[in-house]
Protein backbone atom coordinates (compact mmCIF):
# COMPACT_ATOMS: atom_id res chain seq x y z
CA UNK A 1 -20.54 -8.96 -5.57
CA UNK A 2 -16.93 -7.79 -5.22
CA UNK A 3 -14.88 -9.56 -2.55
CA UNK A 4 -12.39 -7.16 -0.98
CA UNK A 5 -9.44 -8.23 1.16
CA UNK A 6 -8.27 -5.52 3.57
CA UNK A 7 -4.60 -6.30 4.25
CA UNK A 8 -3.16 -4.82 7.44
CA UNK A 9 0.58 -5.33 8.05
CA UNK A 10 1.21 -5.17 11.78
CA UNK A 11 4.48 -4.96 13.68
CA UNK A 12 4.09 -4.07 17.36
CA UNK A 13 0.68 -2.47 16.83
CA UNK A 14 -1.05 -3.99 19.88
CA UNK A 15 -2.32 -0.61 21.09
CA UNK A 16 -3.92 0.50 17.82
CA UNK A 17 -4.84 -2.64 15.87
CA UNK A 18 -8.15 -3.31 17.64
CA UNK A 19 -9.57 0.08 16.72
CA UNK A 20 -8.34 -0.26 13.12
CA UNK A 21 -9.95 -3.69 12.61
CA UNK A 22 -13.20 -2.82 14.37
CA UNK A 23 -13.63 0.46 12.48
CA UNK A 24 -13.18 -1.36 9.16
CA UNK A 25 -15.68 -4.06 10.09
CA UNK A 26 -18.30 -1.48 11.15
CA UNK A 27 -18.28 0.39 7.84
CA UNK A 28 -21.08 0.02 5.29
CA UNK A 29 -19.47 -0.56 1.90
CA UNK A 30 -22.69 -1.12 -0.05
CA UNK A 31 -24.62 -4.18 -1.16
CA UNK A 32 -22.09 -5.11 -3.86
CA UNK A 33 -18.99 -5.17 -1.62
CA UNK A 34 -18.06 -7.81 0.95
CA UNK A 35 -14.87 -7.34 2.96
CA UNK A 36 -12.53 -9.61 4.84
CA UNK A 37 -9.96 -8.02 7.12
CA UNK A 38 -6.60 -9.82 7.04
CA UNK A 39 -4.00 -8.87 9.65
CA UNK A 40 -0.44 -10.00 8.96
CA UNK A 41 1.54 -10.13 12.19
CA UNK A 42 5.14 -9.52 11.14
CA UNK A 43 6.67 -11.42 14.08
CA UNK A 44 5.81 -8.66 16.57
CA UNK A 45 7.68 -8.58 19.89
CA UNK A 46 4.72 -7.17 21.83
CA UNK A 47 1.33 -8.86 22.30
CA UNK A 48 -0.01 -8.03 18.82
CA UNK A 49 -0.50 -11.76 18.10
CA UNK A 50 -2.71 -12.21 21.17
CA UNK A 51 -4.75 -9.11 20.39
CA UNK A 52 -5.52 -9.96 16.76
CA UNK A 53 -6.38 -13.56 17.62
CA UNK A 54 -9.43 -12.22 19.47
CA UNK A 55 -10.59 -9.94 16.64
CA UNK A 56 -12.99 -10.54 13.75
CA UNK A 57 -10.29 -10.99 11.11
CA UNK A 58 -8.06 -13.52 9.42
CA UNK A 59 -4.77 -13.52 11.34
CA UNK A 60 -1.63 -14.56 9.51
CA UNK A 61 1.36 -15.12 11.80
CA UNK A 62 4.78 -14.78 10.18
CA UNK A 63 7.48 -16.91 11.86
CA UNK A 64 10.14 -14.27 11.18
CA UNK A 65 10.15 -10.56 10.51
CA UNK A 66 9.87 -9.89 6.75
CA UNK A 67 9.48 -6.12 6.83
CA UNK A 68 6.60 -4.12 5.41
CA UNK A 69 6.94 -5.41 1.84
CA UNK A 70 7.05 -9.07 2.83
CA UNK A 71 4.16 -8.69 5.26
CA UNK A 72 1.98 -6.92 2.71
CA UNK A 73 2.81 -9.43 -0.02
CA UNK A 74 1.81 -12.24 2.35
CA UNK A 75 -1.62 -10.65 2.63
CA UNK A 76 -1.84 -10.11 -1.12
CA UNK A 77 -0.90 -13.72 -1.79
CA UNK A 78 -3.61 -14.86 0.59
CA UNK A 79 -6.10 -12.65 -1.28
CA UNK A 80 -4.98 -13.91 -4.69
CA UNK A 81 -4.98 -17.58 -3.68
CA UNK A 82 -8.43 -17.23 -2.11
CA UNK A 83 -9.88 -15.61 -5.23
CA UNK A 84 -10.60 -12.12 -3.88
CA UNK A 85 -11.49 -9.56 -6.55
CA UNK A 86 -9.68 -6.67 -4.89
CA UNK A 87 -7.18 -6.06 -2.10
CA UNK A 88 -6.37 -2.86 -0.24
CA UNK A 89 -3.55 -2.09 2.15
CA UNK A 90 -4.49 -0.29 5.36
CA UNK A 91 -1.80 0.57 7.89
CA UNK A 92 -2.11 -0.89 11.38
CA UNK A 93 -1.18 2.36 13.14
CA UNK A 94 -4.49 4.11 12.48
CA UNK A 95 -3.28 6.57 9.82
CA UNK A 96 -5.82 5.40 7.23
CA UNK A 97 -9.39 6.17 8.40
CA UNK A 98 -11.92 3.46 7.54
CA UNK A 99 -14.40 5.93 6.07
CA UNK A 100 -11.82 7.04 3.47
CA UNK A 101 -11.72 3.53 1.99
CA UNK A 102 -15.10 4.15 0.34
CA UNK A 103 -13.42 6.77 -1.88
CA UNK A 104 -10.93 4.20 -3.18
CA UNK A 105 -13.72 1.69 -3.82
CA UNK A 106 -15.86 4.20 -5.70
CA UNK A 107 -12.90 5.20 -7.86
CA UNK A 108 -12.10 1.58 -8.68
CA UNK A 109 -15.69 1.06 -9.79
CA UNK A 110 -16.05 4.31 -11.74
CA UNK A 111 -12.60 4.67 -13.31
CA UNK A 112 -11.91 1.04 -14.25
CA UNK A 113 -8.53 1.42 -12.57
CA UNK A 114 -5.99 -1.29 -11.82
CA UNK A 115 -4.47 0.61 -8.89
CA UNK A 116 -6.05 3.38 -6.82
CA UNK A 117 -3.71 5.36 -4.54
CA UNK A 118 -4.96 7.60 -1.75
CA UNK A 119 -2.95 10.83 -1.62
CA UNK A 120 -2.87 13.26 1.31
CA UNK A 121 -1.34 15.95 -0.90
CA UNK A 122 -3.85 16.44 -3.73
CA UNK A 123 -6.09 18.57 -1.50
CA UNK A 124 -3.69 18.88 1.44
CA UNK A 125 -6.27 17.72 3.96
CA UNK A 126 -5.57 15.92 7.23
CA UNK A 127 -2.13 15.11 8.60
CA UNK A 128 0.54 16.13 6.09
CA UNK A 129 3.50 14.20 7.54
CA UNK A 130 6.78 15.67 8.81
CA UNK A 131 8.93 18.12 6.88
CA UNK A 132 11.62 15.50 6.18
CA UNK A 133 9.00 13.04 4.95
CA UNK A 134 7.50 15.66 2.62
CA UNK A 135 10.95 16.41 1.17
CA UNK A 136 11.42 12.70 0.46
CA UNK A 137 7.94 12.33 -1.02
CA UNK A 138 8.50 15.25 -3.38
CA UNK A 139 11.84 13.78 -4.37
CA UNK A 140 10.26 10.44 -5.29
CA UNK A 141 7.49 12.22 -7.18
CA UNK A 142 10.15 13.90 -9.32
CA UNK A 143 12.18 10.70 -9.78
CA UNK A 144 9.16 8.64 -10.88
CA UNK A 145 8.00 11.38 -13.24
CA UNK A 146 11.48 11.51 -14.79
CA UNK A 147 11.67 7.74 -15.26
CA UNK A 148 8.10 6.93 -16.26
CA UNK A 149 6.34 10.17 -17.15
CA UNK A 150 3.59 9.73 -14.54
CA UNK A 151 3.00 12.11 -11.64
CA UNK A 152 2.13 10.52 -8.31
CA UNK A 153 1.96 13.15 -5.56
CA UNK A 154 2.11 10.62 -2.71
CA UNK A 155 4.33 7.80 -3.94
CA UNK A 156 5.00 6.60 -0.39
CA UNK A 157 1.31 6.19 0.43
CA UNK A 158 0.46 2.65 1.52
CA UNK A 159 -3.27 3.35 1.22
CA UNK A 160 -3.82 1.69 -2.16
CA UNK A 161 -6.41 -0.58 -3.73
CA UNK A 162 -5.57 -3.29 -6.30
CA UNK A 163 -7.77 -5.21 -8.71
CA UNK A 164 -7.26 -8.87 -9.59
CA UNK A 165 -4.89 -8.10 -12.47
CA UNK A 166 -2.62 -6.22 -10.08
CA UNK A 167 -2.94 -8.93 -7.44
CA UNK A 168 -1.62 -11.44 -9.94
CA UNK A 169 1.44 -9.24 -10.49
CA UNK A 170 2.18 -8.67 -6.81
CA UNK A 171 1.66 -12.36 -6.10
CA UNK A 172 4.76 -12.97 -8.24
CA UNK A 173 6.83 -9.98 -7.12
CA UNK A 174 6.58 -7.15 -4.61
CA UNK A 175 9.40 -4.95 -3.27
CA UNK A 176 10.51 -5.81 0.24
CA UNK A 177 11.56 -3.06 2.66
CA UNK A 178 9.92 0.23 1.58
CA UNK A 179 7.89 -0.94 -1.39
CA UNK A 180 5.60 1.94 -2.29
CA UNK A 181 7.75 4.12 -4.64
CA UNK A 182 9.35 1.08 -6.25
CA UNK A 183 6.01 -0.60 -6.87
CA UNK A 184 4.67 2.50 -8.66
CA UNK A 185 7.47 2.07 -11.21
CA UNK A 186 6.78 -1.68 -11.39
CA UNK A 187 3.06 -1.08 -12.05
CA UNK A 188 3.70 1.63 -14.63
CA UNK A 189 6.12 -0.55 -16.57
CA UNK A 190 3.46 -3.27 -16.65
CA UNK A 191 1.05 -0.78 -18.22
CA UNK A 192 -1.42 -0.72 -15.35
CA UNK A 193 -3.90 2.11 -15.03
CA UNK A 194 -2.99 4.02 -11.86
CA UNK A 195 -5.45 6.57 -10.48
CA UNK A 196 -4.54 8.82 -7.57
CA UNK A 197 -7.30 10.42 -5.50
CA UNK A 198 -7.35 12.84 -2.55
CA UNK A 199 -7.87 11.37 0.91
CA UNK A 200 -7.45 12.60 4.44
CA UNK A 201 -5.06 10.72 6.72
CA UNK A 202 -4.55 10.87 10.48
CA UNK A 203 -1.43 11.06 12.59
CA UNK A 204 -0.36 7.58 13.75
CA UNK A 205 -2.11 6.69 17.00
CA UNK A 206 0.68 4.80 18.78
CA UNK A 207 4.21 3.54 18.27
CA UNK A 208 6.97 5.08 16.21
CA UNK A 209 7.67 5.28 12.51
CA UNK A 210 10.01 2.75 10.93
CA UNK A 211 11.90 5.68 9.35
CA UNK A 212 13.51 7.91 11.95
CA UNK A 213 14.90 11.37 11.40
CA UNK A 214 18.48 10.16 11.04
CA UNK A 215 17.48 7.29 8.77
CA UNK A 216 15.76 9.53 6.22
CA UNK A 217 18.83 10.11 4.03
CA UNK A 218 19.70 6.41 4.12
CA UNK A 219 16.09 5.59 3.24
CA UNK A 220 16.11 7.93 0.24
CA UNK A 221 19.40 6.51 -1.05
CA UNK A 222 18.31 2.90 -0.60
CA UNK A 223 14.89 3.39 -2.20
CA UNK A 224 16.42 5.38 -5.07
CA UNK A 225 18.70 2.45 -5.89
CA UNK A 226 15.76 0.06 -5.65
CA UNK A 227 13.64 2.24 -7.95
CA UNK A 228 16.44 2.46 -10.52
CA UNK A 229 17.06 -1.29 -10.33
CA UNK A 230 13.36 -2.04 -10.86
CA UNK A 231 13.19 0.42 -13.74
CA UNK A 232 16.17 -1.14 -15.52
CA UNK A 233 15.04 -4.70 -14.78
CA UNK A 234 11.51 -4.33 -16.12
CA UNK A 235 11.90 -1.46 -18.60
CA UNK A 236 13.67 -3.70 -21.10
CA UNK A 237 11.99 -6.97 -20.20
CA UNK A 238 10.24 -8.65 -23.18
CA UNK A 239 7.10 -8.92 -21.05
CA UNK A 240 6.89 -5.19 -20.39
CA UNK A 241 8.57 -3.66 -23.43
CA UNK A 242 5.93 -1.91 -25.51
CA UNK A 243 6.64 0.66 -28.21
CA UNK A 244 9.80 1.68 -26.36
CA UNK A 245 7.84 3.76 -23.83
CA UNK A 246 6.43 3.57 -20.34
CA UNK A 247 2.65 3.35 -20.05
CA UNK A 248 1.12 6.46 -18.47
CA UNK A 249 -2.42 7.25 -17.43
């Protein structure tokens, strides 16, 4: 039996979080998978805390706003400390359909992966994000390929499943503000097997994105610096240095 923690970071997601949690709990994941939904309330200013307290989930209430990376790492640390076998991030805004999670689980079982990332761009199904977002995603795909020699078509995807080996890593360190591209570099430099699979995602149900149109350039600059810092920090670390090359799969 594999114990799976479903980590949902939530900031002002009162309108959508009930449907997200209930749809995950209703899914049949097979006889060998048991799930526990964990909602991390990142000090929301709406009534998210009240809503999740009434749901069938573990509710973790942060006393201050940590941002997406800190909220997700809180959930991962809970999963690691409570001896879960796997953990998956699912966004609280309804973009990640519950039925698509089965694809990540099957890939983890069949491919012996450390990290499984759901990509909306491999088959170009479902909501494809805004034009500015797609430009940024393609940029990070190129940057990561240049640095580490691995092609990830959807490096900003938060829909990703980790095994226990990866959980141990993210328990020690996880990027804070916009962690997805940076963590791909971190995982690659630690020689993890990353498998990307096609999934279909939905448009967010409520609320607004944390990255507005005018913040996109700032976001790309900030994340680029973070990616380069992570690459330099771990590329030459004695713990990750191996034959002078990044590990690719």
